[in-house]
Amino acid sequence: RFSHHSRFEHCLKWLSKLDPPIRDLRKITLAHAIEYTETLANSVLSGDMEVSYAQNLISTVNVVMRAVRKDKAIWISPAATVGNRSYIRTDLPMATWDKVIEAVRLAEAENNYRGAAMVLLWRAFGMRFREAALADLHRMKWEADTYGAVNILEGTKGGFKSELRWIPVESVQWQALDYALHAISSSGTCLIDTNISLKEFLNRHANPMRTILKQVGVNCPKDLRAEAF
């Protein structure tokens, strides 16, 4: 929500400069959205804005308008408007399980068992930062027992749930899930302590794992996600 809030302010400033200005979301039309995205495309062409940021701004407009209108009448394709992102991975992440286990042992030496669980979930299920932190571990275990696969629901990018995020549960996934379940309290459902915020949890448990991963030869948590797929 914070990301969408800050990005949508960019659109609100643009709307306020129209003649006449628009200060009521109900008055925004598809034509306005198209005109806004065209200004973003021009900024990309002039080199004043990165493609990735322009795409994020457009995606936020899509998300906000769908939320307030309850439909997709105002929706713009980010890639079709401002172009595709230029970054394409050309190197292998090399986030092997040997490196993951070494990172887990280093985290355990610092009593950061929840951080270690994050690393295992990142690598085994291809989860993102927030997904691993917010995942309902008991739900995942029930789904693994029942279906032999788990659905990634909590903390997903943009808050969207996708039927495509069912991950088969095999040996390494079971081990990661079991480790994470043992890392939480008896009353907990996810890796975040009940008495701290997500931000506090990430600073205390997740962010320190960035340093540990570099020590074992993994550049960043995203490499674990890339290796998982």
C-alpha atoms as a PDB file:
ATOM      1  CA  ARG A   1       0.000   0.000   0.000  1.00  0.00           C
ATOM      2  CA  PHE A   2       2.853   2.363   0.817  1.00  0.00           C
ATOM      3  CA  SER A   3       4.399   1.889  -2.640  1.00  0.00           C
ATOM      4  CA  HIS A   4       1.096   2.461  -4.430  1.00  0.00           C
ATOM      5  CA  HIS A   5       0.397   5.512  -2.276  1.00  0.00           C
ATOM      6  CA  SER A   6       3.696   7.179  -3.134  1.00  0.00           C
ATOM      7  CA  ARG A   7       3.425   6.318  -6.835  1.00  0.00           C
ATOM      8  CA  PHE A   8      -0.178   7.469  -7.168  1.00  0.00           C
ATOM      9  CA  GLU A   9       0.818  10.873  -5.811  1.00  0.00           C
ATOM     10  CA  HIS A  10       2.730  11.302  -9.095  1.00  0.00           C
ATOM     11  CA  CYS A  11      -0.519  10.819 -11.000  1.00  0.00           C
ATOM     12  CA  LEU A  12      -2.446  13.102  -8.646  1.00  0.00           C
ATOM     13  CA  LYS A  13       0.044  15.916  -9.238  1.00  0.00           C
ATOM     14  CA  TRP A  14      -0.371  15.484 -12.989  1.00  0.00           C
ATOM     15  CA  LEU A  15      -4.177  15.545 -12.660  1.00  0.00           C
ATOM     16  CA  SER A  16      -4.023  18.710 -10.553  1.00  0.00           C
ATOM     17  CA  LYS A  17      -2.214  20.521 -13.375  1.00  0.00           C
ATOM     18  CA  LEU A  18      -4.902  19.829 -15.988  1.00  0.00           C
ATOM     19  CA  ASP A  19      -7.232  22.571 -17.138  1.00  0.00           C
ATOM     20  CA  PRO A  20      -9.571  22.202 -15.391  1.00  0.00           C
ATOM     21  CA  PRO A  21      -7.782  20.204 -12.663  1.00  0.00           C
ATOM     22  CA  ILE A  22      -9.217  16.885 -11.500  1.00  0.00           C
ATOM     23  CA  ARG A  23      -9.450  16.317  -7.765  1.00  0.00           C
ATOM     24  CA  ASP A  24     -12.163  13.670  -7.715  1.00  0.00           C
ATOM     25  CA  LEU A  25     -11.299  10.068  -8.643  1.00  0.00           C
ATOM     26  CA  ARG A  26     -14.823   9.579  -9.990  1.00  0.00           C
ATOM     27  CA  LYS A  27     -14.047  12.070 -12.767  1.00  0.00           C
ATOM     28  CA  ILE A  28     -11.017  10.171 -14.063  1.00  0.00           C
ATOM     29  CA  THR A  29     -11.701   8.594 -17.454  1.00  0.00           C
ATOM     30  CA  LEU A  30      -9.815   6.165 -19.660  1.00  0.00           C
ATOM     31  CA  ALA A  31      -8.831   9.137 -21.837  1.00  0.00           C
ATOM     32  CA  HIS A  32      -7.152  10.749 -18.841  1.00  0.00           C
ATOM     33  CA  ALA A  33      -5.284   7.537 -18.075  1.00  0.00           C
ATOM     34  CA  ILE A  34      -4.104   7.257 -21.680  1.00  0.00           C
ATOM     35  CA  GLU A  35      -2.927  10.856 -21.730  1.00  0.00           C
ATOM     36  CA  TYR A  36      -1.068  10.349 -18.432  1.00  0.00           C
ATOM     37  CA  THR A  37       0.710   7.253 -19.706  1.00  0.00           C
ATOM     38  CA  GLU A  38       1.653   9.085 -22.902  1.00  0.00           C
ATOM     39  CA  THR A  39       3.440  11.715 -20.795  1.00  0.00           C
ATOM     40  CA  LEU A  40       5.301   8.916 -19.038  1.00  0.00           C
ATOM     41  CA  ALA A  41       6.255   7.391 -22.390  1.00  0.00           C
ATOM     42  CA  ASN A  42       7.638  10.765 -23.511  1.00  0.00           C
ATOM     43  CA  SER A  43       9.674  10.996 -20.301  1.00  0.00           C
ATOM     44  CA  VAL A  44      11.122   7.550 -21.023  1.00  0.00           C
ATOM     45  CA  LEU A  45      11.976   8.513 -24.608  1.00  0.00           C
ATOM     46  CA  SER A  46      13.715  11.698 -23.434  1.00  0.00           C
ATOM     47  CA  GLY A  47      15.740   9.769 -20.890  1.00  0.00           C
ATOM     48  CA  ASP A  48      14.191  11.567 -17.918  1.00  0.00           C
ATOM     49  CA  MET A  49      12.598   8.416 -16.541  1.00  0.00           C
ATOM     50  CA  GLU A  50      13.514   4.725 -16.387  1.00  0.00           C
ATOM     51  CA  VAL A  51      11.222   2.233 -18.099  1.00  0.00           C
ATOM     52  CA  SER A  52      10.857   0.263 -14.871  1.00  0.00           C
ATOM     53  CA  TYR A  53       9.657   3.302 -12.911  1.00  0.00           C
ATOM     54  CA  ALA A  54       7.226   4.318 -15.652  1.00  0.00           C
ATOM     55  CA  GLN A  55       5.812   0.798 -15.697  1.00  0.00           C
ATOM     56  CA  ASN A  56       5.400   0.890 -11.918  1.00  0.00           C
ATOM     57  CA  LEU A  57       3.542   4.201 -12.125  1.00  0.00           C
ATOM     58  CA  ILE A  58       1.147   2.801 -14.726  1.00  0.00           C
ATOM     59  CA  SER A  59       0.633  -0.404 -12.737  1.00  0.00           C
ATOM     60  CA  THR A  60      -0.300   1.678  -9.712  1.00  0.00           C
ATOM     61  CA  VAL A  61      -2.913   3.588 -11.702  1.00  0.00           C
ATOM     62  CA  ASN A  62      -4.356   0.244 -12.793  1.00  0.00           C
ATOM     63  CA  VAL A  63      -4.444  -1.041  -9.215  1.00  0.00           C
ATOM     64  CA  VAL A  64      -5.991   2.107  -7.724  1.00  0.00           C
ATOM     65  CA  MET A  65      -8.643   2.503 -10.396  1.00  0.00           C
ATOM     66  CA  ARG A  66      -9.616  -1.150 -10.188  1.00  0.00           C
ATOM     67  CA  ALA A  67      -9.905  -0.808  -6.406  1.00  0.00           C
ATOM     68  CA  VAL A  68     -12.126   2.271  -6.464  1.00  0.00           C
ATOM     69  CA  ARG A  69     -14.217   1.331  -9.513  1.00  0.00           C
ATOM     70  CA  LYS A  70     -14.481  -2.427  -8.850  1.00  0.00           C
ATOM     71  CA  ASP A  71     -13.831  -3.111 -12.539  1.00  0.00           C
ATOM     72  CA  LYS A  72     -11.071  -2.940 -15.164  1.00  0.00           C
ATOM     73  CA  ALA A  73     -12.657  -0.267 -17.367  1.00  0.00           C
ATOM     74  CA  ILE A  74      -9.577   1.909 -16.789  1.00  0.00           C
ATOM     75  CA  TRP A  75      -6.581  -0.298 -17.425  1.00  0.00           C
ATOM     76  CA  ILE A  76      -3.429   0.385 -19.446  1.00  0.00           C
ATOM     77  CA  SER A  77      -0.743  -2.105 -20.464  1.00  0.00           C
ATOM     78  CA  PRO A  78       2.535  -0.819 -18.961  1.00  0.00           C
ATOM     79  CA  ALA A  79       4.776  -2.637 -21.453  1.00  0.00           C
ATOM     80  CA  ALA A  80       2.701  -1.633 -24.492  1.00  0.00           C
ATOM     81  CA  THR A  81       2.772   2.021 -23.440  1.00  0.00           C
ATOM     82  CA  VAL A  82       6.322   2.676 -22.250  1.00  0.00           C
ATOM     83  CA  GLY A  83       8.166  -0.415 -23.508  1.00  0.00           C
ATOM     84  CA  ASN A  84       9.666  -3.471 -21.909  1.00  0.00           C
ATOM     85  CA  ARG A  85      12.169  -3.397 -19.090  1.00  0.00           C
ATOM     86  CA  SER A  86      15.709  -3.602 -20.399  1.00  0.00           C
ATOM     87  CA  TYR A  87      17.181  -5.833 -17.674  1.00  0.00           C
ATOM     88  CA  ILE A  88      17.545  -9.463 -18.652  1.00  0.00           C
ATOM     89  CA  ARG A  89      19.532 -11.818 -16.436  1.00  0.00           C
ATOM     90  CA  THR A  90      22.554 -13.124 -18.334  1.00  0.00           C
ATOM     91  CA  ASP A  91      24.397 -14.817 -15.478  1.00  0.00           C
ATOM     92  CA  LEU A  92      23.400 -17.867 -13.456  1.00  0.00           C
ATOM     93  CA  PRO A  93      22.568 -17.095  -9.813  1.00  0.00           C
ATOM     94  CA  MET A  94      24.564 -20.090  -8.463  1.00  0.00           C
ATOM     95  CA  ALA A  95      22.563 -20.143  -5.229  1.00  0.00           C
ATOM     96  CA  THR A  96      23.166 -23.840  -4.615  1.00  0.00           C
ATOM     97  CA  TRP A  97      21.762 -25.762  -1.683  1.00  0.00           C
ATOM     98  CA  ASP A  98      25.268 -26.130  -0.230  1.00  0.00           C
ATOM     99  CA  LYS A  99      25.466 -22.337   0.029  1.00  0.00           C
ATOM    100  CA  VAL A 100      21.952 -22.166   1.466  1.00  0.00           C
ATOM    101  CA  ILE A 101      22.778 -24.677   4.213  1.00  0.00           C
ATOM    102  CA  GLU A 102      25.964 -22.779   5.011  1.00  0.00           C
ATOM    103  CA  ALA A 103      23.938 -19.558   5.311  1.00  0.00           C
ATOM    104  CA  VAL A 104      21.470 -21.323   7.608  1.00  0.00           C
ATOM    105  CA  ARG A 105      24.285 -22.502   9.885  1.00  0.00           C
ATOM    106  CA  LEU A 106      25.735 -18.977  10.082  1.00  0.00           C
ATOM    107  CA  ALA A 107      22.302 -17.573  10.946  1.00  0.00           C
ATOM    108  CA  GLU A 108      21.813 -20.208  13.620  1.00  0.00           C
ATOM    109  CA  ALA A 109      25.163 -19.227  15.135  1.00  0.00           C
ATOM    110  CA  GLU A 110      23.640 -15.759  15.610  1.00  0.00           C
ATOM    111  CA  ASN A 111      20.387 -17.236  16.985  1.00  0.00           C
ATOM    112  CA  ASN A 112      18.551 -15.900  13.939  1.00  0.00           C
ATOM    113  CA  TYR A 113      16.409 -18.954  13.311  1.00  0.00           C
ATOM    114  CA  ARG A 114      13.644 -16.982  11.661  1.00  0.00           C
ATOM    115  CA  GLY A 115      16.140 -15.443   9.264  1.00  0.00           C
ATOM    116  CA  ALA A 116      17.408 -18.932   8.480  1.00  0.00           C
ATOM    117  CA  ALA A 117      13.822 -20.025   7.837  1.00  0.00           C
ATOM    118  CA  MET A 118      13.404 -17.095   5.443  1.00  0.00           C
ATOM    119  CA  VAL A 119      16.399 -18.267   3.406  1.00  0.00           C
ATOM    120  CA  LEU A 120      15.013 -21.801   3.187  1.00  0.00           C
ATOM    121  CA  LEU A 121      11.592 -20.547   2.087  1.00  0.00           C
ATOM    122  CA  TRP A 122      13.134 -18.207  -0.492  1.00  0.00           C
ATOM    123  CA  ARG A 123      15.112 -21.068  -2.019  1.00  0.00           C
ATOM    124  CA  ALA A 124      12.625 -23.921  -1.700  1.00  0.00           C
ATOM    125  CA  PHE A 125       9.447 -22.118  -2.763  1.00  0.00           C
ATOM    126  CA  GLY A 126      10.820 -19.187  -4.776  1.00  0.00           C
ATOM    127  CA  MET A 127       9.182 -16.759  -2.353  1.00  0.00           C
ATOM    128  CA  ARG A 128       9.786 -13.034  -2.215  1.00  0.00           C
ATOM    129  CA  PHE A 129      10.792 -11.165   0.955  1.00  0.00           C
ATOM    130  CA  ARG A 130       7.290 -10.368   2.191  1.00  0.00           C
ATOM    131  CA  GLU A 131       5.813 -13.663   1.025  1.00  0.00           C
ATOM    132  CA  ALA A 132       8.191 -15.656   3.221  1.00  0.00           C
ATOM    133  CA  ALA A 133       7.664 -13.341   6.193  1.00  0.00           C
ATOM    134  CA  LEU A 134       3.848 -13.332   6.015  1.00  0.00           C
ATOM    135  CA  ALA A 135       3.157 -16.867   4.780  1.00  0.00           C
ATOM    136  CA  ASP A 136       0.573 -18.749   6.847  1.00  0.00           C
ATOM    137  CA  LEU A 137       2.750 -21.764   7.611  1.00  0.00           C
ATOM    138  CA  HIS A 138      -0.073 -23.844   9.091  1.00  0.00           C
ATOM    139  CA  ARG A 139      -2.175 -23.324   5.963  1.00  0.00           C
ATOM    140  CA  MET A 140       0.789 -24.305   3.828  1.00  0.00           C
ATOM    141  CA  LYS A 141       1.308 -27.506   5.815  1.00  0.00           C
ATOM    142  CA  TRP A 142      -2.372 -28.411   5.476  1.00  0.00           C
ATOM    143  CA  GLU A 143      -2.229 -27.826   1.718  1.00  0.00           C
ATOM    144  CA  ALA A 144       0.992 -29.832   1.454  1.00  0.00           C
ATOM    145  CA  ASP A 145      -0.599 -32.729   3.352  1.00  0.00           C
ATOM    146  CA  THR A 146      -3.829 -32.498   1.373  1.00  0.00           C
ATOM    147  CA  TYR A 147      -2.737 -31.574  -2.159  1.00  0.00           C
ATOM    148  CA  GLY A 148       1.008 -32.187  -2.254  1.00  0.00           C
ATOM    149  CA  ALA A 149       1.421 -28.513  -3.194  1.00  0.00           C
ATOM    150  CA  VAL A 150       1.065 -25.099  -1.545  1.00  0.00           C
ATOM    151  CA  ASN A 151      -0.376 -21.832  -2.817  1.00  0.00           C
ATOM    152  CA  ILE A 152       1.548 -18.596  -2.256  1.00  0.00           C
ATOM    153  CA  LEU A 153      -1.065 -16.160  -0.965  1.00  0.00           C
ATOM    154  CA  GLU A 154       0.152 -13.794   1.751  1.00  0.00           C
ATOM    155  CA  GLY A 155       2.434 -10.876   0.930  1.00  0.00           C
ATOM    156  CA  THR A 156       2.229 -11.339  -2.828  1.00  0.00           C
ATOM    157  CA  LYS A 157       3.408  -8.580  -5.153  1.00  0.00           C
ATOM    158  CA  GLY A 158       0.726  -5.936  -5.532  1.00  0.00           C
ATOM    159  CA  GLY A 159      -1.473  -7.866  -3.139  1.00  0.00           C
ATOM    160  CA  PHE A 160      -2.723 -10.102  -5.937  1.00  0.00           C
ATOM    161  CA  LYS A 161      -3.353 -13.828  -5.521  1.00  0.00           C
ATOM    162  CA  SER A 162      -2.663 -16.022  -8.546  1.00  0.00           C
ATOM    163  CA  GLU A 163      -3.759 -19.556  -9.277  1.00  0.00           C
ATOM    164  CA  LEU A 164      -0.373 -20.015 -10.960  1.00  0.00           C
ATOM    165  CA  ARG A 165       1.539 -19.881  -7.661  1.00  0.00           C
ATOM    166  CA  TRP A 166       0.885 -23.471  -6.610  1.00  0.00           C
ATOM    167  CA  ILE A 167       4.289 -24.944  -5.733  1.00  0.00           C
ATOM    168  CA  PRO A 168       4.754 -28.750  -5.621  1.00  0.00           C
ATOM    169  CA  VAL A 169       6.031 -29.944  -2.259  1.00  0.00           C
ATOM    170  CA  GLU A 170       8.879 -32.415  -2.440  1.00  0.00           C
ATOM    171  CA  SER A 171      11.731 -33.215  -0.071  1.00  0.00           C
ATOM    172  CA  VAL A 172      13.406 -29.785   0.084  1.00  0.00           C
ATOM    173  CA  GLN A 173      10.072 -27.964   0.370  1.00  0.00           C
ATOM    174  CA  TRP A 174       9.027 -30.211   3.263  1.00  0.00           C
ATOM    175  CA  GLN A 175      12.311 -29.557   5.039  1.00  0.00           C
ATOM    176  CA  ALA A 176      12.005 -25.784   4.591  1.00  0.00           C
ATOM    177  CA  LEU A 177       8.389 -25.777   5.777  1.00  0.00           C
ATOM    178  CA  ASP A 178       9.175 -27.968   8.775  1.00  0.00           C
ATOM    179  CA  TYR A 179      12.099 -25.724   9.756  1.00  0.00           C
ATOM    180  CA  ALA A 180       9.942 -22.606   9.508  1.00  0.00           C
ATOM    181  CA  LEU A 181       7.176 -24.168  11.605  1.00  0.00           C
ATOM    182  CA  HIS A 182       9.677 -24.989  14.339  1.00  0.00           C
ATOM    183  CA  ALA A 183      11.003 -21.409  14.233  1.00  0.00           C
ATOM    184  CA  ILE A 184       7.678 -19.771  15.151  1.00  0.00           C
ATOM    185  CA  SER A 185       5.940 -19.666  18.509  1.00  0.00           C
ATOM    186  CA  SER A 186       3.197 -22.099  19.447  1.00  0.00           C
ATOM    187  CA  SER A 187       0.560 -19.405  18.895  1.00  0.00           C
ATOM    188  CA  GLY A 188       2.074 -17.985  15.711  1.00  0.00           C
ATOM    189  CA  THR A 189       0.996 -18.554  12.131  1.00  0.00           C
ATOM    190  CA  CYS A 190       3.882 -16.859  10.305  1.00  0.00           C
ATOM    191  CA  LEU A 191       7.517 -15.957  10.896  1.00  0.00           C
ATOM    192  CA  ILE A 192       6.676 -12.483  12.188  1.00  0.00           C
ATOM    193  CA  ASP A 193       6.427 -12.200  15.957  1.00  0.00           C
ATOM    194  CA  THR A 194       3.009 -11.120  17.116  1.00  0.00           C
ATOM    195  CA  ASN A 195       4.454  -8.145  19.020  1.00  0.00           C
ATOM    196  CA  ILE A 196       6.481  -6.569  16.189  1.00  0.00           C
ATOM    197  CA  SER A 197       5.679  -5.004  12.841  1.00  0.00           C
ATOM    198  CA  LEU A 198       6.705  -6.311   9.424  1.00  0.00           C
ATOM    199  CA  LYS A 199       9.300  -3.537   9.154  1.00  0.00           C
ATOM    200  CA  GLU A 200      10.799  -4.454  12.523  1.00  0.00           C
ATOM    201  CA  PHE A 201      10.859  -8.120  11.593  1.00  0.00           C
ATOM    202  CA  LEU A 202      12.624  -7.478   8.298  1.00  0.00           C
ATOM    203  CA  ASN A 203      15.223  -5.273   9.990  1.00  0.00           C
ATOM    204  CA  ARG A 204      15.823  -7.761  12.804  1.00  0.00           C
ATOM    205  CA  HIS A 205      15.695 -11.097  11.002  1.00  0.00           C
ATOM    206  CA  ALA A 206      15.568 -10.773   7.218  1.00  0.00           C
ATOM    207  CA  ASN A 207      17.949  -7.936   6.336  1.00  0.00           C
ATOM    208  CA  PRO A 208      20.902  -9.447   8.281  1.00  0.00           C
ATOM    209  CA  MET A 209      20.622 -12.449   5.961  1.00  0.00           C
ATOM    210  CA  ARG A 210      21.752 -10.269   3.055  1.00  0.00           C
ATOM    211  CA  THR A 211      25.199 -10.005   4.644  1.00  0.00           C
ATOM    212  CA  ILE A 212      25.309 -13.714   5.423  1.00  0.00           C
ATOM    213  CA  LEU A 213      24.302 -14.644   1.877  1.00  0.00           C
ATOM    214  CA  LYS A 214      27.132 -12.533   0.480  1.00  0.00           C
ATOM    215  CA  GLN A 215      29.528 -14.346   2.841  1.00  0.00           C
ATOM    216  CA  VAL A 216      28.578 -17.686   1.310  1.00  0.00           C
ATOM    217  CA  GLY A 217      28.705 -16.399  -2.276  1.00  0.00           C
ATOM    218  CA  VAL A 218      25.059 -15.511  -2.967  1.00  0.00           C
ATOM    219  CA  ASN A 219      24.624 -11.920  -4.163  1.00  0.00           C
ATOM    220  CA  CYS A 220      21.113 -11.300  -2.852  1.00  0.00           C
ATOM    221  CA  PRO A 221      17.837 -13.000  -1.854  1.00  0.00           C
ATOM    222  CA  LYS A 222      16.544 -12.620  -5.415  1.00  0.00           C
ATOM    223  CA  ASP A 223      19.206 -15.090  -6.547  1.00  0.00           C
ATOM    224  CA  LEU A 224      17.593 -17.708  -4.293  1.00  0.00           C
ATOM    225  CA  ARG A 225      14.218 -17.055  -5.922  1.00  0.00           C
ATOM    226  CA  ALA A 226      15.760 -17.225  -9.410  1.00  0.00           C
ATOM    227  CA  GLU A 227      17.532 -20.491  -8.597  1.00  0.00           C
ATOM    228  CA  ALA A 228      14.301 -21.979  -7.314  1.00  0.00           C
ATOM    229  CA  PHE A 229      12.745 -21.642 -10.766  1.00  0.00           C
END
